[in-house]
Amino acid sequence: MADSVDNQCKTLDEILESRRTVRNFSEEIPTRETVEQILRSGLQAPYAAQAVGESTVFRRFLYLKMEQNP
């Protein structure tokens, strides 16, 4: 069992070490549903509880949509 855990840790280490940010943007505008799904996922992300204390409003998300020219 310990060998399995060691292998899992090594795999996780490899994933984290190879992780890169890719900024490849397109002109395609995501749907509102897609944006909402991304925001819901963001709400599941961990946060520093000590930094926010008793505050219940410590994350804010803005959704800005530009009107396209007719």
PDB file of N, CA and C in Angstrom:
ATOM      1  N   MET A   1       0.823  -1.198   0.000  1.00  0.00           N
ATOM      2  CA  MET A   1       0.000   0.000   0.000  1.00  0.00           C
ATOM      3  C   MET A   1       0.863   1.257   0.000  1.00  0.00           C
ATOM      4  N   ALA A   2       1.934   1.245   0.787  1.00  0.00           N
ATOM      5  CA  ALA A   2       2.819   2.405   0.844  1.00  0.00           C
ATOM      6  C   ALA A   2       3.428   2.684  -0.522  1.00  0.00           C
ATOM      7  N   ASP A   3       3.740   1.607  -1.268  1.00  0.00           N
ATOM      8  CA  ASP A   3       4.296   1.767  -2.605  1.00  0.00           C
ATOM      9  C   ASP A   3       3.297   2.480  -3.515  1.00  0.00           C
ATOM     10  N   SER A   4       2.023   2.133  -3.385  1.00  0.00           N
ATOM     11  CA  SER A   4       0.981   2.764  -4.190  1.00  0.00           C
ATOM     12  C   SER A   4       0.874   4.252  -3.872  1.00  0.00           C
ATOM     13  N   VAL A   5       0.939   4.593  -2.596  1.00  0.00           N
ATOM     14  CA  VAL A   5       0.862   6.004  -2.186  1.00  0.00           C
ATOM     15  C   VAL A   5       2.084   6.756  -2.711  1.00  0.00           C
ATOM     16  N   ASP A   6       3.268   6.124  -2.605  1.00  0.00           N
ATOM     17  CA  ASP A   6       4.484   6.762  -3.128  1.00  0.00           C
ATOM     18  C   ASP A   6       4.365   7.029  -4.624  1.00  0.00           C
ATOM     19  N   ASN A   7       3.817   6.063  -5.363  1.00  0.00           N
ATOM     20  CA  ASN A   7       3.640   6.239  -6.810  1.00  0.00           C
ATOM     21  C   ASN A   7       2.644   7.356  -7.099  1.00  0.00           C
ATOM     22  N   GLN A   8       1.584   7.434  -6.310  1.00  0.00           N
ATOM     23  CA  GLN A   8       0.603   8.501  -6.499  1.00  0.00           C
ATOM     24  C   GLN A   8       1.231   9.857  -6.226  1.00  0.00           C
ATOM     25  N   CYS A   9       2.053   9.942  -5.196  1.00  0.00           N
ATOM     26  CA  CYS A   9       2.725  11.213  -4.877  1.00  0.00           C
ATOM     27  C   CYS A   9       3.689  11.616  -5.987  1.00  0.00           C
ATOM     28  N   LYS A  10       4.414  10.634  -6.528  1.00  0.00           N
ATOM     29  CA  LYS A  10       5.337  10.928  -7.618  1.00  0.00           C
ATOM     30  C   LYS A  10       4.581  11.413  -8.847  1.00  0.00           C
ATOM     31  N   THR A  11       3.442  10.773  -9.119  1.00  0.00           N
ATOM     32  CA  THR A  11       2.628  11.191 -10.262  1.00  0.00           C
ATOM     33  C   THR A  11       2.132  12.614 -10.067  1.00  0.00           C
ATOM     34  N   LEU A  12       1.644  12.919  -8.880  1.00  0.00           N
ATOM     35  CA  LEU A  12       1.178  14.271  -8.591  1.00  0.00           C
ATOM     36  C   LEU A  12       2.319  15.279  -8.720  1.00  0.00           C
ATOM     37  N   ASP A  13       3.483  14.929  -8.201  1.00  0.00           N
ATOM     38  CA  ASP A  13       4.651  15.812  -8.327  1.00  0.00           C
ATOM     39  C   ASP A  13       4.980  16.085  -9.789  1.00  0.00           C
ATOM     40  N   GLU A  14       4.927  15.041 -10.621  1.00  0.00           N
ATOM     41  CA  GLU A  14       5.212  15.204 -12.051  1.00  0.00           C
ATOM     42  C   GLU A  14       4.196  16.120 -12.719  1.00  0.00           C
ATOM     43  N   ILE A  15       2.943  15.969 -12.351  1.00  0.00           N
ATOM     44  CA  ILE A  15       1.893  16.823 -12.916  1.00  0.00           C
ATOM     45  C   ILE A  15       2.125  18.268 -12.526  1.00  0.00           C
ATOM     46  N   LEU A  16       2.401  18.500 -11.257  1.00  0.00           N
ATOM     47  CA  LEU A  16       2.600  19.873 -10.785  1.00  0.00           C
ATOM     48  C   LEU A  16       3.845  20.513 -11.398  1.00  0.00           C
ATOM     49  N   GLU A  17       4.892  19.726 -11.555  1.00  0.00           N
ATOM     50  CA  GLU A  17       6.124  20.261 -12.136  1.00  0.00           C
ATOM     51  C   GLU A  17       5.974  20.590 -13.616  1.00  0.00           C
ATOM     52  N   SER A  18       5.128  19.851 -14.317  1.00  0.00           N
ATOM     53  CA  SER A  18       4.984  20.065 -15.762  1.00  0.00           C
ATOM     54  C   SER A  18       3.879  21.068 -16.101  1.00  0.00           C
ATOM     55  N   ARG A  19       3.183  21.550 -15.105  1.00  0.00           N
ATOM     56  CA  ARG A  19       2.059  22.465 -15.315  1.00  0.00           C
ATOM     57  C   ARG A  19       2.553  23.794 -15.875  1.00  0.00           C
ATOM     58  N   ARG A  20       1.862  24.291 -16.871  1.00  0.00           N
ATOM     59  CA  ARG A  20       2.203  25.573 -17.495  1.00  0.00           C
ATOM     60  C   ARG A  20       0.933  26.345 -17.781  1.00  0.00           C
ATOM     61  N   THR A  21       1.068  27.640 -17.784  1.00  0.00           N
ATOM     62  CA  THR A  21      -0.049  28.493 -18.164  1.00  0.00           C
ATOM     63  C   THR A  21       0.033  28.739 -19.663  1.00  0.00           C
ATOM     64  N   VAL A  22      -1.066  28.550 -20.334  1.00  0.00           N
ATOM     65  CA  VAL A  22      -1.117  28.776 -21.771  1.00  0.00           C
ATOM     66  C   VAL A  22      -2.124  29.878 -22.027  1.00  0.00           C
ATOM     67  N   ARG A  23      -1.670  30.928 -22.652  1.00  0.00           N
ATOM     68  CA  ARG A  23      -2.569  32.036 -22.985  1.00  0.00           C
ATOM     69  C   ARG A  23      -2.746  32.055 -24.496  1.00  0.00           C
ATOM     70  N   ASN A  24      -3.755  31.375 -24.912  1.00  0.00           N
ATOM     71  CA  ASN A  24      -4.059  31.282 -26.329  1.00  0.00           C
ATOM     72  C   ASN A  24      -5.528  31.674 -26.483  1.00  0.00           C
ATOM     73  N   PHE A  25      -5.780  32.932 -26.713  1.00  0.00           N
ATOM     74  CA  PHE A  25      -7.136  33.447 -26.730  1.00  0.00           C
ATOM     75  C   PHE A  25      -7.737  33.399 -28.125  1.00  0.00           C
ATOM     76  N   SER A  26      -9.042  33.275 -28.164  1.00  0.00           N
ATOM     77  CA  SER A  26      -9.742  33.294 -29.447  1.00  0.00           C
ATOM     78  C   SER A  26     -10.776  34.416 -29.418  1.00  0.00           C
ATOM     79  N   GLU A  27     -11.350  34.685 -30.537  1.00  0.00           N
ATOM     80  CA  GLU A  27     -12.381  35.717 -30.646  1.00  0.00           C
ATOM     81  C   GLU A  27     -13.753  35.199 -30.186  1.00  0.00           C
ATOM     82  N   GLU A  28     -13.851  33.896 -29.998  1.00  0.00           N
ATOM     83  CA  GLU A  28     -15.132  33.290 -29.617  1.00  0.00           C
ATOM     84  C   GLU A  28     -15.557  33.750 -28.226  1.00  0.00           C
ATOM     85  N   ILE A  29     -16.789  34.175 -28.106  1.00  0.00           N
ATOM     86  CA  ILE A  29     -17.327  34.636 -26.830  1.00  0.00           C
ATOM     87  C   ILE A  29     -18.006  33.452 -26.144  1.00  0.00           C
ATOM     88  N   PRO A  30     -17.615  33.148 -24.900  1.00  0.00           N
ATOM     89  CA  PRO A  30     -18.242  32.012 -24.215  1.00  0.00           C
ATOM     90  C   PRO A  30     -19.702  32.321 -23.884  1.00  0.00           C
ATOM     91  N   THR A  31     -20.501  31.274 -23.817  1.00  0.00           N
ATOM     92  CA  THR A  31     -21.909  31.455 -23.467  1.00  0.00           C
ATOM     93  C   THR A  31     -22.024  31.823 -21.994  1.00  0.00           C
ATOM     94  N   ARG A  32     -23.140  32.403 -21.654  1.00  0.00           N
ATOM     95  CA  ARG A  32     -23.384  32.759 -20.253  1.00  0.00           C
ATOM     96  C   ARG A  32     -23.329  31.506 -19.373  1.00  0.00           C
ATOM     97  N   GLU A  33     -23.868  30.395 -19.876  1.00  0.00           N
ATOM     98  CA  GLU A  33     -23.859  29.144 -19.116  1.00  0.00           C
ATOM     99  C   GLU A  33     -22.430  28.681 -18.835  1.00  0.00           C
ATOM    100  N   THR A  34     -21.548  28.827 -19.815  1.00  0.00           N
ATOM    101  CA  THR A  34     -20.149  28.448 -19.632  1.00  0.00           C
ATOM    102  C   THR A  34     -19.500  29.310 -18.564  1.00  0.00           C
ATOM    103  N   VAL A  35     -19.744  30.607 -18.622  1.00  0.00           N
ATOM    104  CA  VAL A  35     -19.177  31.525 -17.631  1.00  0.00           C
ATOM    105  C   VAL A  35     -19.702  31.178 -16.237  1.00  0.00           C
ATOM    106  N   GLU A  36     -20.982  30.898 -16.126  1.00  0.00           N
ATOM    107  CA  GLU A  36     -21.553  30.545 -14.828  1.00  0.00           C
ATOM    108  C   GLU A  36     -20.953  29.255 -14.287  1.00  0.00           C
ATOM    109  N   GLN A  37     -20.702  28.291 -15.173  1.00  0.00           N
ATOM    110  CA  GLN A  37     -20.087  27.036 -14.752  1.00  0.00           C
ATOM    111  C   GLN A  37     -18.666  27.284 -14.241  1.00  0.00           C
ATOM    112  N   ILE A  38     -17.925  28.132 -14.919  1.00  0.00           N
ATOM    113  CA  ILE A  38     -16.566  28.477 -14.490  1.00  0.00           C
ATOM    114  C   ILE A  38     -16.600  29.159 -13.119  1.00  0.00           C
ATOM    115  N   LEU A  39     -17.544  30.072 -12.941  1.00  0.00           N
ATOM    116  CA  LEU A  39     -17.652  30.762 -11.654  1.00  0.00           C
ATOM    117  C   LEU A  39     -18.030  29.801 -10.531  1.00  0.00           C
ATOM    118  N   ARG A  40     -18.939  28.878 -10.805  1.00  0.00           N
ATOM    119  CA  ARG A  40     -19.302  27.877  -9.783  1.00  0.00           C
ATOM    120  C   ARG A  40     -18.078  27.046  -9.402  1.00  0.00           C
ATOM    121  N   SER A  41     -17.270  26.702 -10.391  1.00  0.00           N
ATOM    122  CA  SER A  41     -16.040  25.955 -10.106  1.00  0.00           C
ATOM    123  C   SER A  41     -15.090  26.793  -9.260  1.00  0.00           C
ATOM    124  N   GLY A  42     -14.999  28.071  -9.575  1.00  0.00           N
ATOM    125  CA  GLY A  42     -14.140  28.968  -8.807  1.00  0.00           C
ATOM    126  C   GLY A  42     -14.561  29.074  -7.351  1.00  0.00           C
ATOM    127  N   LEU A  43     -15.838  28.974  -7.098  1.00  0.00           N
ATOM    128  CA  LEU A  43     -16.329  29.033  -5.720  1.00  0.00           C
ATOM    129  C   LEU A  43     -15.918  27.803  -4.917  1.00  0.00           C
ATOM    130  N   GLN A  44     -15.565  26.728  -5.606  1.00  0.00           N
ATOM    131  CA  GLN A  44     -15.123  25.511  -4.930  1.00  0.00           C
ATOM    132  C   GLN A  44     -13.632  25.554  -4.585  1.00  0.00           C
ATOM    133  N   ALA A  45     -12.924  26.550  -5.109  1.00  0.00           N
ATOM    134  CA  ALA A  45     -11.486  26.645  -4.877  1.00  0.00           C
ATOM    135  C   ALA A  45     -11.205  26.971  -3.413  1.00  0.00           C
ATOM    136  N   PRO A  46     -10.113  26.440  -2.878  1.00  0.00           N
ATOM    137  CA  PRO A  46      -9.776  26.735  -1.478  1.00  0.00           C
ATOM    138  C   PRO A  46      -9.389  28.196  -1.307  1.00  0.00           C
ATOM    139  N   TYR A  47      -9.510  28.669  -0.102  1.00  0.00           N
ATOM    140  CA  TYR A  47      -9.135  30.041   0.222  1.00  0.00           C
ATOM    141  C   TYR A  47      -8.503  30.061   1.594  1.00  0.00           C
ATOM    142  N   ALA A  48      -7.839  31.138   1.930  1.00  0.00           N
ATOM    143  CA  ALA A  48      -7.171  31.271   3.227  1.00  0.00           C
ATOM    144  C   ALA A  48      -8.190  31.764   4.252  1.00  0.00           C
ATOM    145  N   ALA A  49      -8.766  30.842   5.004  1.00  0.00           N
ATOM    146  CA  ALA A  49      -9.818  31.182   5.965  1.00  0.00           C
ATOM    147  C   ALA A  49      -9.341  32.201   6.986  1.00  0.00           C
ATOM    148  N   GLN A  50      -8.091  32.116   7.388  1.00  0.00           N
ATOM    149  CA  GLN A  50      -7.583  33.068   8.377  1.00  0.00           C
ATOM    150  C   GLN A  50      -7.538  34.487   7.821  1.00  0.00           C
ATOM    151  N   ALA A  51      -7.333  34.598   6.519  1.00  0.00           N
ATOM    152  CA  ALA A  51      -7.239  35.920   5.893  1.00  0.00           C
ATOM    153  C   ALA A  51      -8.597  36.594   5.795  1.00  0.00           C
ATOM    154  N   VAL A  52      -9.672  35.825   5.666  1.00  0.00           N
ATOM    155  CA  VAL A  52     -10.997  36.419   5.501  1.00  0.00           C
ATOM    156  C   VAL A  52     -11.766  36.497   6.805  1.00  0.00           C
ATOM    157  N   GLY A  53     -11.324  35.780   7.821  1.00  0.00           N
ATOM    158  CA  GLY A  53     -11.969  35.843   9.130  1.00  0.00           C
ATOM    159  C   GLY A  53     -13.440  35.488   9.067  1.00  0.00           C
ATOM    160  N   GLU A  54     -14.255  36.319   9.669  1.00  0.00           N
ATOM    161  CA  GLU A  54     -15.701  36.076   9.735  1.00  0.00           C
ATOM    162  C   GLU A  54     -16.439  36.599   8.507  1.00  0.00           C
ATOM    163  N   SER A  55     -15.742  37.242   7.609  1.00  0.00           N
ATOM    164  CA  SER A  55     -16.364  37.843   6.438  1.00  0.00           C
ATOM    165  C   SER A  55     -17.037  36.783   5.572  1.00  0.00           C
ATOM    166  N   THR A  56     -18.251  37.082   5.145  1.00  0.00           N
ATOM    167  CA  THR A  56     -18.947  36.168   4.241  1.00  0.00           C
ATOM    168  C   THR A  56     -18.879  36.670   2.799  1.00  0.00           C
ATOM    169  N   VAL A  57     -18.417  37.902   2.614  1.00  0.00           N
ATOM    170  CA  VAL A  57     -18.290  38.468   1.271  1.00  0.00           C
ATOM    171  C   VAL A  57     -16.815  38.771   1.041  1.00  0.00           C
ATOM    172  N   PHE A  58     -16.079  37.756   0.657  1.00  0.00           N
ATOM    173  CA  PHE A  58     -14.646  37.938   0.438  1.00  0.00           C
ATOM    174  C   PHE A  58     -14.235  37.620  -0.987  1.00  0.00           C
ATOM    175  N   ARG A  59     -15.177  37.109  -1.782  1.00  0.00           N
ATOM    176  CA  ARG A  59     -14.905  36.865  -3.205  1.00  0.00           C
ATOM    177  C   ARG A  59     -15.996  37.540  -4.007  1.00  0.00           C
ATOM    178  N   ARG A  60     -15.559  38.212  -5.035  1.00  0.00           N
ATOM    179  CA  ARG A  60     -16.518  38.858  -5.928  1.00  0.00           C
ATOM    180  C   ARG A  60     -16.118  38.547  -7.356  1.00  0.00           C
ATOM    181  N   PHE A  61     -17.111  38.260  -8.165  1.00  0.00           N
ATOM    182  CA  PHE A  61     -16.881  37.969  -9.572  1.00  0.00           C
ATOM    183  C   PHE A  61     -17.699  38.947 -10.398  1.00  0.00           C
ATOM    184  N   LEU A  62     -17.097  39.472 -11.425  1.00  0.00           N
ATOM    185  CA  LEU A  62     -17.797  40.380 -12.323  1.00  0.00           C
ATOM    186  C   LEU A  62     -17.905  39.722 -13.688  1.00  0.00           C
ATOM    187  N   TYR A  63     -19.048  39.853 -14.275  1.00  0.00           N
ATOM    188  CA  TYR A  63     -19.281  39.343 -15.632  1.00  0.00           C
ATOM    189  C   TYR A  63     -19.621  40.547 -16.487  1.00  0.00           C
ATOM    190  N   LEU A  64     -18.694  40.928 -17.335  1.00  0.00           N
ATOM    191  CA  LEU A  64     -18.885  42.090 -18.199  1.00  0.00           C
ATOM    192  C   LEU A  64     -19.100  41.607 -19.624  1.00  0.00           C
ATOM    193  N   LYS A  65     -20.098  42.143 -20.238  1.00  0.00           N
ATOM    194  CA  LYS A  65     -20.390  41.741 -21.614  1.00  0.00           C
ATOM    195  C   LYS A  65     -20.516  43.004 -22.454  1.00  0.00           C
ATOM    196  N   MET A  66     -19.714  43.072 -23.482  1.00  0.00           N
ATOM    197  CA  MET A  66     -19.783  44.214 -24.394  1.00  0.00           C
ATOM    198  C   MET A  66     -20.841  43.958 -25.440  1.00  0.00           C
ATOM    199  N   GLU A  67     -21.609  44.960 -25.703  1.00  0.00           N
ATOM    200  CA  GLU A  67     -22.607  44.856 -26.776  1.00  0.00           C
ATOM    201  C   GLU A  67     -21.880  44.931 -28.105  1.00  0.00           C
ATOM    202  N   GLN A  68     -22.252  44.081 -29.034  1.00  0.00           N
ATOM    203  CA  GLN A  68     -21.636  44.111 -30.338  1.00  0.00           C
ATOM    204  C   GLN A  68     -22.321  45.161 -31.202  1.00  0.00           C
ATOM    205  N   ASN A  69     -21.547  45.762 -32.089  1.00  0.00           N
ATOM    206  CA  ASN A  69     -22.109  46.770 -32.992  1.00  0.00           C
ATOM    207  C   ASN A  69     -23.120  46.109 -33.934  1.00  0.00           C
ATOM    208  N   PRO A  70     -24.252  46.796 -34.177  1.00  0.00           N
ATOM    209  CA  PRO A  70     -25.279  46.223 -35.064  1.00  0.00           C
ATOM    210  C   PRO A  70     -24.826  46.133 -36.496  1.00  0.00           C
TER     211      PRO A  70
END
